[in-house]
Amino acid sequence: MQAPERHDLSANAVNPLPLQNAPTGKRRNGRRRINPLLAVGLVLVALLVIAGGILGQRFLPAHIAGIINSSGGNGQANSGSFVAPPLSSQQIDNLRHLTDHMKEQQLAYLYVSRMSLDEEIGQIMMVEYSEDSYSPSLDTMIHDLHAGGVIMYQRQINTLEQTKADTTHMQQRALTPLLISTDEEGWNVHRLTNIYPPRLSAKDIHDSKSTTVAANEGTKVAHDLLSLGINTNFAPDVDVSTDDGYIGWDARSFGSTPDDVIKYVSPYTKAMQTGGVIATMKHFPGLGGAPKTTDPHAVFVTVNHTKDQVYKIDLAPFQYFIHADDKMEQPGIIMSTDVLVPSIDPTYIAELSPTFMTQILRKEMGYQGVAVTDALTMLGVQVNGQHLDLGTAGVMALKAGNDLLLGAGDPASMRSMVDAIKTALNNGTLSKSRLDEAATRVIALKMQRHLLPDTPPSSNP
């Protein structure tokens, strides 16, 4: 089945199962360093003063903010602002890396603080366009409405010269460099088919039983995308799916177990990101349990996994890669999707669910990178059987914890999303701090991947 060209919560209390039960594999080195606690304390005090004075704690990653407001690493809130010894090895490791993270986030926040509201809202939108090449409609979204990214489909990737000219023109017209993306997964989700020959599917890579084959495919896709000016790939799928599932039947899964998915996605992702292309892991929290007859582009999808299955199977690859030792194996972006998982949230699909996007992805799993929605125009974007308009879906997705909204396809639909966000800000439905956080993450990613210089913005307004 050819994947369509698209894009491919309630705060109900969740008592998650331990993520330590995820598959075996590399983990962050937890060796305890034998250093005097006094020295650690002095470093902590200095860093806290810098962090608090310059940026504000809400922009620190959750796992670091938790250190600042916790007692001895037990995760329970403390009324004070200091850590009670002894520190865990993980806390010490977080502190050692705090200055790098702060620099990134501080500079990104400086950029965001100098933007107009329209520019800031534009940065959290990735737009598509219906024309076969660069168009006035696309130019309006990029130049006038300040889109943060553009997604391209096969119909817009016709020749190397045309595609390269279009992506170059996009970047020239953007006030802030763009994330330019496509879905280049391989086999039947092969957006570059007019230019480059077919590439292996995820199933082909798994069936090769070779991590070298996986790495080679990652290297090839990075080369091909960059040759066209495309810097972001909406791949790989990390859905754990059998051949009877929607993802597995479509040859888009790297395996039917979390360990298999991790085994082959690791070298593929590392090679692709080392080659200069941002990897997007999808479809959070996992479409592996969706039957092959249920395509979320066209129908409402429910995955009836138990909470135990969700944590031990579906979430396990995401958990692994978020904390991978090698940064090139960590996701540049995580894509959420429109799937209902009643065992976790019986009301809201995952990409509109604060339980999934904030409680689980951010707080439990510790992910502080960019989260992008799947296309908010898909028919699976429903609540209680009602399909949502783009503006309502955008506000709900942003409020839930997504940072980048996918779905606007022309200036009118983009303006409807912008207006809905402004209305939500004005009536208090959406907080300005949530918008700031999302835009800061997008800008920080652009700095990390050298689309923006990691230097303070120009002093000129």
Protein backbone atom coordinates (compact mmCIF):
# COMPACT_ATOMS: atom_id res chain seq x y z
CA MET A 1 0.00 0.00 0.00
CA GLN A 2 1.42 3.32 -1.04
CA ALA A 3 1.55 5.68 1.90
CA PRO A 4 -0.49 8.81 1.08
CA GLU A 5 1.29 12.08 0.57
CA ARG A 6 0.38 14.07 3.70
CA HIS A 7 1.72 13.98 6.35
CA ASP A 8 2.38 10.24 7.15
CA LEU A 9 -5.68 14.70 27.16
CA SER A 10 -7.03 14.87 29.29
CA ALA A 11 -4.71 15.04 32.25
CA ASN A 12 -5.90 11.66 33.46
CA ALA A 13 -3.64 10.38 36.16
CA VAL A 14 -1.10 7.81 35.01
CA ASN A 15 0.88 5.50 37.25
CA PRO A 16 3.53 4.35 34.77
CA LEU A 17 5.41 1.12 34.88
CA PRO A 18 9.15 1.38 35.38
CA LEU A 19 10.99 2.25 32.19
CA GLN A 20 13.96 0.35 33.53
CA ASN A 21 12.27 -2.67 32.02
CA ALA A 22 13.10 -1.39 28.53
CA PRO A 23 15.28 -3.63 26.32
CA THR A 24 18.92 -4.05 27.09
CA GLY A 25 21.38 -1.84 25.30
CA LYS A 26 23.72 1.06 25.84
CA ARG A 27 22.85 3.35 28.67
CA ARG A 28 24.33 6.54 29.90
CA ASN A 29 27.43 5.78 31.92
CA GLY A 30 26.41 5.85 35.54
CA ARG A 31 29.80 5.34 37.22
CA ARG A 32 29.98 7.17 40.51
CA ARG A 33 32.74 9.74 40.68
CA ILE A 34 34.45 10.00 44.04
CA ASN A 35 34.71 13.76 44.42
CA PRO A 36 34.30 15.87 47.52
CA LEU A 37 30.71 16.91 47.94
CA LEU A 38 31.81 20.42 48.76
CA ALA A 39 33.29 20.88 45.30
CA VAL A 40 30.09 19.64 43.70
CA GLY A 41 28.06 21.97 45.87
CA LEU A 42 30.12 25.00 44.85
CA VAL A 43 29.73 24.14 41.18
CA LEU A 44 26.00 23.70 41.68
CA VAL A 45 25.59 27.05 43.41
CA ALA A 46 27.46 28.84 40.64
CA LEU A 47 25.44 27.18 37.93
CA LEU A 48 22.16 27.89 39.71
CA VAL A 49 23.00 31.57 39.98
CA ILE A 50 23.78 31.73 36.26
CA ALA A 51 20.72 29.72 35.26
CA GLY A 52 18.33 31.65 37.44
CA GLY A 53 19.71 35.06 36.60
CA ILE A 54 19.98 34.69 32.87
CA LEU A 55 17.33 32.32 31.67
CA GLY A 56 14.87 31.24 34.29
CA GLN A 57 14.28 27.72 35.41
CA ARG A 58 11.42 26.92 33.08
CA PHE A 59 13.83 26.56 30.17
CA LEU A 60 16.06 24.02 31.91
CA PRO A 61 15.50 20.39 30.99
CA ALA A 62 13.14 18.55 33.29
CA HIS A 63 15.79 16.15 34.55
CA ILE A 64 18.05 19.08 35.51
CA ALA A 65 15.27 21.21 36.94
CA GLY A 66 14.36 18.19 38.99
CA ILE A 67 17.82 18.20 40.52
CA ILE A 68 17.51 21.83 41.47
CA ASN A 69 14.19 21.27 43.24
CA SER A 70 14.70 17.81 44.65
CA SER A 71 16.02 16.31 47.83
CA GLY A 72 18.88 13.89 47.41
CA GLY A 73 17.64 12.68 44.02
CA ASN A 74 14.44 11.10 45.33
CA GLY A 75 12.27 13.19 43.02
CA GLN A 76 10.21 14.71 45.85
CA ALA A 77 9.81 18.45 45.84
CA ASN A 78 11.78 20.38 48.44
CA SER A 79 10.88 23.80 49.70
CA GLY A 80 14.49 24.93 49.28
CA SER A 81 16.61 25.55 46.20
CA PHE A 82 19.56 23.33 46.94
CA VAL A 83 20.32 19.67 46.67
CA ALA A 84 20.68 17.61 49.79
CA PRO A 85 23.74 15.34 49.57
CA PRO A 86 24.66 12.77 48.58
CA LEU A 87 24.23 13.41 44.85
CA SER A 88 23.59 10.47 42.58
CA SER A 89 25.98 9.75 39.72
CA GLN A 90 23.25 10.78 37.27
CA GLN A 91 22.83 14.14 39.01
CA ILE A 92 26.55 14.77 38.86
CA ASP A 93 26.60 13.90 35.16
CA ASN A 94 23.67 16.28 34.53
CA LEU A 95 25.51 19.07 36.31
CA ARG A 96 28.66 18.52 34.31
CA HIS A 97 26.67 19.02 31.09
CA LEU A 98 24.49 21.88 32.36
CA THR A 99 26.65 24.68 30.99
CA ASP A 100 26.50 23.30 27.44
CA HIS A 101 22.71 23.06 27.60
CA MET A 102 22.38 26.50 29.13
CA LYS A 103 24.40 28.15 26.39
CA GLU A 104 22.21 26.59 23.74
CA GLN A 105 18.95 27.45 25.44
CA GLN A 106 20.05 30.94 26.47
CA LEU A 107 21.00 31.89 22.94
CA ALA A 108 17.82 30.40 21.51
CA TYR A 109 15.75 32.27 24.08
CA LEU A 110 17.54 35.51 23.16
CA TYR A 111 16.50 34.99 19.55
CA VAL A 112 12.92 34.28 20.54
CA SER A 113 12.76 37.27 22.91
CA ARG A 114 13.63 39.59 20.03
CA MET A 115 10.93 38.22 17.73
CA SER A 116 7.53 39.75 17.19
CA LEU A 117 4.60 37.59 18.21
CA ASP A 118 3.88 36.79 14.55
CA GLU A 119 7.49 35.73 13.98
CA GLU A 120 7.49 33.55 17.09
CA ILE A 121 4.23 31.80 16.17
CA GLY A 122 5.49 31.30 12.61
CA GLN A 123 8.58 29.51 13.89
CA ILE A 124 6.51 26.73 15.44
CA MET A 125 4.82 25.88 12.13
CA MET A 126 5.99 23.56 9.39
CA VAL A 127 4.00 24.18 6.23
CA GLU A 128 3.33 22.28 3.03
CA TYR A 129 2.23 23.52 -0.39
CA SER A 130 0.19 22.04 -3.22
CA GLU A 131 2.09 23.41 -6.20
CA ASP A 132 4.80 21.41 -7.97
CA SER A 133 7.46 24.07 -7.46
CA TYR A 134 8.16 27.27 -5.53
CA SER A 135 5.03 29.40 -5.60
CA PRO A 136 3.67 32.76 -4.45
CA SER A 137 1.59 30.92 -1.84
CA LEU A 138 4.68 29.27 -0.38
CA ASP A 139 6.55 32.56 -0.49
CA THR A 140 3.81 34.23 1.57
CA MET A 141 4.01 31.53 4.23
CA ILE A 142 7.81 31.68 4.39
CA HIS A 143 8.50 35.39 4.02
CA ASP A 144 5.37 37.12 5.33
CA LEU A 145 4.10 34.59 7.89
CA HIS A 146 7.58 33.45 9.03
CA ALA A 147 7.12 29.67 8.78
CA GLY A 148 9.79 27.76 10.70
CA GLY A 149 9.86 24.85 8.28
CA VAL A 150 8.59 23.38 5.02
CA ILE A 151 7.76 19.79 4.12
CA MET A 152 8.17 18.58 0.53
CA TYR A 153 6.52 15.65 -1.23
CA GLN A 154 7.37 13.60 -4.29
CA ARG A 155 5.43 15.88 -6.64
CA GLN A 156 7.68 18.79 -5.62
CA ILE A 157 10.95 16.85 -5.95
CA ASN A 158 11.22 16.38 -9.71
CA THR A 159 14.82 17.03 -10.76
CA LEU A 160 17.97 17.71 -8.80
CA GLU A 161 18.38 21.16 -10.34
CA GLN A 162 14.76 22.19 -9.76
CA THR A 163 14.64 20.91 -6.19
CA LYS A 164 17.95 22.47 -5.24
CA ALA A 165 16.86 25.79 -6.76
CA ASP A 166 13.57 25.68 -4.84
CA THR A 167 15.14 24.88 -1.47
CA THR A 168 17.78 27.54 -2.01
CA HIS A 169 15.08 30.08 -2.79
CA MET A 170 13.16 29.03 0.33
CA GLN A 171 16.18 29.71 2.53
CA GLN A 172 16.88 33.03 0.82
CA ARG A 173 13.34 34.23 1.48
CA ALA A 174 13.23 33.13 5.11
CA LEU A 175 14.21 35.60 7.82
CA THR A 176 15.23 32.65 10.01
CA PRO A 177 16.75 29.53 8.39
CA LEU A 178 14.21 26.81 7.68
CA LEU A 179 13.90 23.18 8.62
CA ILE A 180 13.20 21.65 5.19
CA SER A 181 11.86 18.12 5.49
CA THR A 182 10.45 15.14 3.66
CA ASP A 183 9.46 11.55 4.48
CA GLU A 184 12.34 9.55 3.04
CA GLU A 185 11.85 6.17 4.70
CA GLY A 186 12.63 3.93 1.76
CA TRP A 187 10.75 1.53 -0.53
CA ASN A 188 7.19 2.80 -1.01
CA VAL A 189 7.73 5.93 1.10
CA HIS A 190 10.43 7.19 -1.26
CA ARG A 191 9.93 10.88 -1.98
CA LEU A 192 13.10 11.13 -4.08
CA THR A 193 12.05 8.50 -6.63
CA ASN A 194 12.16 11.01 -9.52
CA ILE A 195 15.86 11.57 -8.88
CA TYR A 196 17.37 8.66 -6.99
CA PRO A 197 16.80 4.90 -7.39
CA PRO A 198 14.71 2.95 -4.88
CA ARG A 199 16.27 2.35 -1.49
CA LEU A 200 15.82 -0.46 0.99
CA SER A 201 12.79 -0.50 3.24
CA ALA A 202 13.08 -0.79 7.01
CA LYS A 203 12.03 -4.44 6.67
CA ASP A 204 14.75 -5.02 4.06
CA ILE A 205 17.32 -3.61 6.45
CA HIS A 206 16.07 -5.85 9.25
CA ASP A 207 16.02 -8.91 7.00
CA SER A 208 19.63 -8.26 5.95
CA LYS A 209 20.65 -8.99 9.56
CA SER A 210 23.44 -6.47 9.03
CA THR A 211 24.04 -3.28 10.98
CA THR A 212 26.51 -2.34 8.24
CA VAL A 213 23.67 -2.36 5.72
CA ALA A 214 21.66 -0.14 8.09
CA ALA A 215 24.55 2.32 8.40
CA ASN A 216 25.10 2.38 4.64
CA GLU A 217 21.44 3.20 4.06
CA GLY A 218 21.64 6.03 6.59
CA THR A 219 24.70 7.43 4.83
CA LYS A 220 23.02 7.26 1.42
CA VAL A 221 19.84 8.99 2.54
CA ALA A 222 21.83 11.81 4.16
CA HIS A 223 23.82 12.34 0.99
CA ASP A 224 20.75 12.34 -1.25
CA LEU A 225 18.71 14.71 0.93
CA LEU A 226 21.53 17.20 1.43
CA SER A 227 22.25 17.22 -2.31
CA LEU A 228 18.74 18.65 -2.68
CA GLY A 229 18.92 21.13 0.18
CA ILE A 230 16.70 19.05 2.48
CA ASN A 231 18.08 19.08 6.04
CA THR A 232 15.43 17.09 7.96
CA ASN A 233 14.12 13.57 7.42
CA PHE A 234 10.83 12.42 8.92
CA ALA A 235 12.38 9.01 9.51
CA PRO A 236 13.15 6.50 10.93
CA ASP A 237 10.03 4.73 12.16
CA VAL A 238 10.72 3.21 15.56
CA ASP A 239 7.32 1.53 15.73
CA VAL A 240 7.56 -2.06 16.97
CA SER A 241 5.33 -3.95 14.55
CA THR A 242 4.75 -7.46 13.27
CA ASP A 243 3.98 -8.08 9.61
CA ASP A 244 0.28 -8.07 10.53
CA GLY A 245 0.43 -4.50 11.80
CA TYR A 246 -0.17 -1.29 9.84
CA ILE A 247 3.51 -0.30 9.97
CA GLY A 248 4.98 -3.80 9.61
CA TRP A 249 2.70 -4.83 6.76
CA ASP A 250 3.82 -1.68 4.93
CA ALA A 251 7.49 -2.72 5.43
CA ARG A 252 8.14 0.41 7.51
CA SER A 253 9.12 -1.30 10.77
CA PHE A 254 12.70 -2.29 11.64
CA GLY A 255 11.48 -5.20 13.73
CA SER A 256 8.79 -6.93 15.73
CA THR A 257 10.64 -6.53 19.05
CA PRO A 258 12.07 -3.42 20.71
CA ASP A 259 15.56 -4.95 20.63
CA ASP A 260 15.40 -5.49 16.86
CA VAL A 261 14.18 -1.95 16.26
CA ILE A 262 17.00 -0.56 18.41
CA LYS A 263 19.62 -2.79 16.75
CA TYR A 264 19.00 -1.47 13.23
CA VAL A 265 17.73 2.04 13.90
CA SER A 266 20.88 2.86 15.90
CA PRO A 267 23.40 2.63 13.02
CA TYR A 268 20.91 4.02 10.50
CA THR A 269 20.24 7.11 12.62
CA LYS A 270 23.87 7.63 13.57
CA ALA A 271 24.98 7.52 9.94
CA MET A 272 22.21 9.84 8.76
CA GLN A 273 22.81 12.45 11.46
CA THR A 274 26.59 12.22 11.19
CA GLY A 275 26.00 12.94 7.51
CA GLY A 276 24.25 16.19 8.44
CA VAL A 277 20.51 15.38 8.28
CA ILE A 278 18.22 15.70 11.31
CA ALA A 279 16.52 12.40 12.20
CA THR A 280 12.88 12.32 13.29
CA MET A 281 11.77 9.28 15.25
CA LYS A 282 8.12 8.40 14.84
CA HIS A 283 5.27 7.71 15.54
CA PHE A 284 5.14 8.51 19.28
CA PRO A 285 3.89 6.74 21.34
CA GLY A 286 3.89 3.92 18.78
CA LEU A 287 1.71 2.69 15.92
CA GLY A 288 2.98 -0.87 16.10
CA GLY A 289 -0.29 -2.15 17.56
CA ALA A 290 -2.46 -0.62 14.83
CA PRO A 291 -3.98 -3.33 12.55
CA LYS A 292 -2.94 -3.23 8.89
CA THR A 293 -6.44 -2.17 7.83
CA THR A 294 -6.32 1.03 9.90
CA ASP A 295 -4.49 3.91 8.24
CA PRO A 296 -4.55 6.99 10.49
CA HIS A 297 -4.51 9.23 7.42
CA ALA A 298 -8.01 8.07 6.65
CA VAL A 299 -9.59 6.61 9.81
CA PHE A 300 -9.58 6.98 13.56
CA VAL A 301 -7.04 4.55 15.03
CA THR A 302 -7.21 2.89 18.43
CA VAL A 303 -4.39 0.76 19.84
CA ASN A 304 -5.69 -1.47 22.63
CA HIS A 305 -2.36 -2.31 24.21
CA THR A 306 -2.32 -2.57 27.97
CA LYS A 307 -0.34 -0.05 29.96
CA ASP A 308 2.30 -2.74 30.47
CA GLN A 309 2.57 -3.34 26.72
CA VAL A 310 2.74 0.37 25.95
CA TYR A 311 5.68 0.88 28.30
CA LYS A 312 7.56 -2.35 27.62
CA ILE A 313 7.05 -2.45 23.84
CA ASP A 314 5.85 0.77 22.21
CA LEU A 315 7.71 3.32 24.32
CA ALA A 316 10.88 1.26 24.77
CA PRO A 317 12.71 2.41 21.59
CA PHE A 318 11.89 6.05 22.28
CA GLN A 319 13.21 5.70 25.83
CA TYR A 320 16.40 4.06 24.60
CA PHE A 321 17.21 6.63 21.93
CA ILE A 322 16.39 9.66 24.09
CA HIS A 323 19.16 8.53 26.45
CA ALA A 324 21.54 6.98 23.91
CA ASP A 325 25.22 7.46 24.80
CA ASP A 326 26.04 8.66 21.29
CA LYS A 327 24.35 12.00 20.56
CA MET A 328 24.14 11.09 16.88
CA GLU A 329 21.76 8.28 17.87
CA GLN A 330 19.50 10.61 19.84
CA PRO A 331 16.45 11.92 17.97
CA GLY A 332 16.73 15.42 16.58
CA ILE A 333 12.93 15.47 16.55
CA ILE A 334 10.20 13.13 17.79
CA MET A 335 6.95 13.00 15.82
CA SER A 336 3.73 12.37 17.73
CA THR A 337 0.69 10.94 16.01
CA ASP A 338 -3.08 10.64 16.13
CA VAL A 339 -3.66 7.32 17.83
CA LEU A 340 -5.94 6.70 20.80
CA VAL A 341 -4.46 4.48 23.51
CA PRO A 342 -7.29 4.02 26.04
CA SER A 343 -5.12 2.28 28.65
CA ILE A 344 -3.21 5.56 29.05
CA ASP A 345 -5.63 8.26 27.92
CA PRO A 346 -9.17 7.20 26.98
CA THR A 347 -10.18 10.63 25.68
CA TYR A 348 -7.45 12.27 23.62
CA ILE A 349 -5.29 10.99 20.78
CA ALA A 350 -1.60 11.01 21.69
CA GLU A 351 -0.56 14.19 19.88
CA LEU A 352 -3.33 16.14 21.64
CA SER A 353 -2.76 14.47 25.02
CA PRO A 354 -0.96 16.28 27.84
CA THR A 355 -0.62 12.88 29.48
CA PHE A 356 1.42 11.53 26.58
CA MET A 357 3.21 14.69 25.44
CA THR A 358 4.05 16.30 28.77
CA GLN A 359 3.67 13.75 31.55
CA ILE A 360 5.19 10.77 29.74
CA LEU A 361 7.46 12.18 27.01
CA ARG A 362 8.81 15.18 28.91
CA LYS A 363 8.61 14.31 32.61
CA GLU A 364 8.93 10.54 32.72
CA MET A 365 11.16 9.98 29.70
CA GLY A 366 13.15 13.21 30.06
CA TYR A 367 12.93 14.32 26.42
CA GLN A 368 13.58 18.03 25.98
CA GLY A 369 14.04 18.23 22.21
CA VAL A 370 11.57 19.25 19.53
CA ALA A 371 8.28 17.35 19.25
CA VAL A 372 6.44 17.74 15.94
CA THR A 373 2.86 16.71 15.27
CA ASP A 374 1.83 14.48 12.44
CA ALA A 375 -0.37 16.33 9.95
CA LEU A 376 -3.20 17.94 11.89
CA THR A 377 -5.40 17.66 8.79
CA MET A 378 -5.51 13.85 8.97
CA LEU A 379 -8.91 12.27 9.52
CA GLY A 380 -7.70 10.65 12.73
CA VAL A 381 -7.50 14.07 14.42
CA GLN A 382 -10.72 13.71 16.38
CA VAL A 383 -12.07 14.13 19.89
CA ASN A 384 -15.21 12.21 20.88
CA GLY A 385 -15.88 11.39 17.24
CA GLN A 386 -15.63 14.98 16.04
CA HIS A 387 -12.95 16.00 13.53
CA LEU A 388 -11.15 19.16 14.66
CA ASP A 389 -10.52 22.23 12.56
CA LEU A 390 -6.87 23.15 12.05
CA GLY A 391 -6.86 26.09 14.48
CA THR A 392 -8.38 24.10 17.34
CA ALA A 393 -6.08 21.14 16.71
CA GLY A 394 -3.05 23.42 16.62
CA VAL A 395 -3.85 25.04 19.96
CA MET A 396 -4.56 21.68 21.60
CA ALA A 397 -1.36 20.14 20.21
CA LEU A 398 0.74 23.07 21.38
CA LYS A 399 -0.87 23.08 24.80
CA ALA A 400 -0.33 19.32 25.11
CA GLY A 401 3.43 19.75 24.65
CA ASN A 402 4.25 19.71 20.92
CA ASP A 403 6.65 22.36 19.64
CA LEU A 404 6.22 22.23 15.86
CA LEU A 405 2.80 22.09 14.19
CA LEU A 406 2.39 20.35 10.84
CA GLY A 407 -0.68 20.85 8.69
CA ALA A 408 -1.03 24.34 7.18
CA GLY A 409 -0.99 24.08 3.38
CA ASP A 410 -1.66 27.63 2.22
CA PRO A 411 -1.62 31.16 3.66
CA ALA A 412 -5.30 31.01 4.66
CA SER A 413 -4.92 27.83 6.71
CA MET A 414 -1.70 29.09 8.25
CA ARG A 415 -3.37 32.35 9.25
CA SER A 416 -6.23 30.38 10.81
CA MET A 417 -3.72 28.60 13.04
CA VAL A 418 -1.93 31.85 13.90
CA ASP A 419 -5.24 33.53 14.78
CA ALA A 420 -6.35 30.58 16.91
CA ILE A 421 -3.09 30.68 18.87
CA LYS A 422 -3.39 34.44 19.41
CA THR A 423 -6.97 34.02 20.62
CA ALA A 424 -5.89 31.27 23.02
CA LEU A 425 -3.11 33.49 24.35
CA ASN A 426 -5.52 36.36 24.86
CA ASN A 427 -8.19 34.34 26.66
CA GLY A 428 -5.74 32.38 28.80
CA THR A 429 -6.38 29.00 27.17
CA LEU A 430 -2.69 28.89 26.20
CA SER A 431 0.15 30.38 28.21
CA LYS A 432 2.81 32.57 26.64
CA SER A 433 5.46 30.54 28.45
CA ARG A 434 4.35 27.39 26.57
CA LEU A 435 4.69 29.24 23.25
CA ASP A 436 8.10 30.59 24.31
CA GLU A 437 9.24 27.10 25.28
CA ALA A 438 8.18 25.64 21.92
CA ALA A 439 9.82 28.38 19.86
CA THR A 440 12.98 28.19 21.96
CA ARG A 441 13.27 24.46 21.30
CA VAL A 442 12.88 24.98 17.55
CA ILE A 443 15.53 27.70 17.48
CA ALA A 444 17.86 25.67 19.70
CA LEU A 445 17.60 22.74 17.26
CA LYS A 446 18.51 25.03 14.39
CA MET A 447 21.57 26.12 16.34
CA GLN A 448 22.55 22.58 17.25
CA ARG A 449 22.44 21.56 13.60
CA HIS A 450 24.28 24.69 12.42
CA LEU A 451 21.38 26.25 10.56
CA LEU A 452 21.73 29.26 12.87
CA PRO A 453 25.01 30.47 14.39
CA ASP A 454 25.39 29.70 18.09
CA THR A 455 26.13 33.34 18.81
CA PRO A 456 23.93 36.08 20.27
CA PRO A 457 21.48 37.63 17.79
CA SER A 458 22.24 40.99 16.24
CA SER A 459 21.68 43.95 18.55
CA ASN A 460 19.68 45.64 15.80
CA PRO A 461 15.93 45.33 16.40
